[in-house]
Amino acid sequence: MNQADIDRIFDSHPPESEADALAHEQVRDAFKRIAMVMSNLPGGRERALVLTKLEEASFFAHAAIGRPPL
């Protein structure tokens, strides 16, 4: 792993275009809608894991938009 790889992983990646900003907004809105539905599941470990996995998926969706490709 070199410095460029580390920078790609850990640097902030603001939207580079209006299209990227729109994509971030659409992803955010979609995950919020899904999270609202999933938050109505019975409480407990399973619901907590569902919401955690949604948060992880959201992170990687935004990373896919914002990080430069390999």
Protein backbone atom coordinates (compact mmCIF):
# COMPACT_ATOMS: atom_id res chain seq x y z
CA MET A 1 0.00 0.00 0.00
CA ASN A 2 1.41 3.36 -0.97
CA GLN A 3 0.57 6.95 0.03
CA ALA A 4 -1.90 7.36 -2.86
CA ASP A 5 -3.83 4.29 -1.69
CA ILE A 6 -3.94 5.59 1.88
CA ASP A 7 -5.05 9.04 0.70
CA ARG A 8 -7.83 7.48 -1.41
CA ILE A 9 -9.13 5.54 1.58
CA PHE A 10 -8.91 8.19 4.28
CA ASP A 11 -9.22 11.59 2.58
CA SER A 12 -12.50 13.43 2.35
CA HIS A 13 -13.92 13.34 -1.17
CA PRO A 14 -16.28 16.26 -1.74
CA PRO A 15 -18.52 16.10 -4.82
CA GLU A 16 -16.60 17.07 -7.93
CA SER A 17 -19.67 17.94 -9.96
CA GLU A 18 -23.35 18.70 -9.69
CA ALA A 19 -24.02 15.16 -10.89
CA ASP A 20 -21.99 13.76 -7.98
CA ALA A 21 -23.80 16.03 -5.52
CA LEU A 22 -27.15 14.85 -6.90
CA ALA A 23 -26.05 11.21 -6.71
CA HIS A 24 -25.08 11.67 -3.04
CA GLU A 25 -28.46 13.25 -2.33
CA GLN A 26 -30.35 10.45 -4.08
CA VAL A 27 -28.39 7.76 -2.22
CA ARG A 28 -28.93 9.55 1.10
CA ASP A 29 -32.68 9.86 0.47
CA ALA A 30 -33.00 6.21 -0.57
CA PHE A 31 -31.20 4.95 2.52
CA LYS A 32 -33.29 7.19 4.77
CA ARG A 33 -36.49 5.74 3.27
CA ILE A 34 -35.25 2.19 3.76
CA ALA A 35 -34.09 2.97 7.31
CA MET A 36 -37.53 4.34 8.21
CA VAL A 37 -39.16 1.09 7.09
CA MET A 38 -36.57 -1.06 8.85
CA SER A 39 -36.83 0.97 12.07
CA ASN A 40 -40.37 -0.41 12.42
CA LEU A 41 -39.06 -3.95 12.83
CA PRO A 42 -39.37 -5.44 16.30
CA GLY A 43 -36.59 -4.15 18.53
CA GLY A 44 -33.60 -6.25 19.35
CA ARG A 45 -30.30 -7.39 18.00
CA GLU A 46 -31.63 -8.18 14.53
CA ARG A 47 -33.08 -4.70 13.99
CA ALA A 48 -29.88 -3.15 15.31
CA LEU A 49 -27.86 -5.24 12.85
CA VAL A 50 -30.15 -4.31 9.96
CA LEU A 51 -29.65 -0.62 10.71
CA THR A 52 -25.90 -1.08 11.15
CA LYS A 53 -25.62 -2.87 7.81
CA LEU A 54 -27.66 -0.11 6.15
CA GLU A 55 -25.25 2.44 7.59
CA GLU A 56 -22.31 0.43 6.23
CA ALA A 57 -23.95 0.11 2.81
CA SER A 58 -24.65 3.83 2.76
CA PHE A 59 -21.00 4.57 3.54
CA PHE A 60 -19.80 2.40 0.67
CA ALA A 61 -22.38 3.80 -1.75
CA HIS A 62 -21.13 7.31 -1.01
CA ALA A 63 -17.54 6.12 -1.28
CA ALA A 64 -18.31 4.66 -4.70
CA ILE A 65 -19.47 8.10 -5.83
CA GLY A 66 -16.75 10.15 -4.17
CA ARG A 67 -13.55 8.14 -4.29
CA PRO A 68 -11.48 8.23 -7.43
CA PRO A 69 -11.45 4.86 -9.19
CA LEU A 70 -8.48 2.55 -8.81
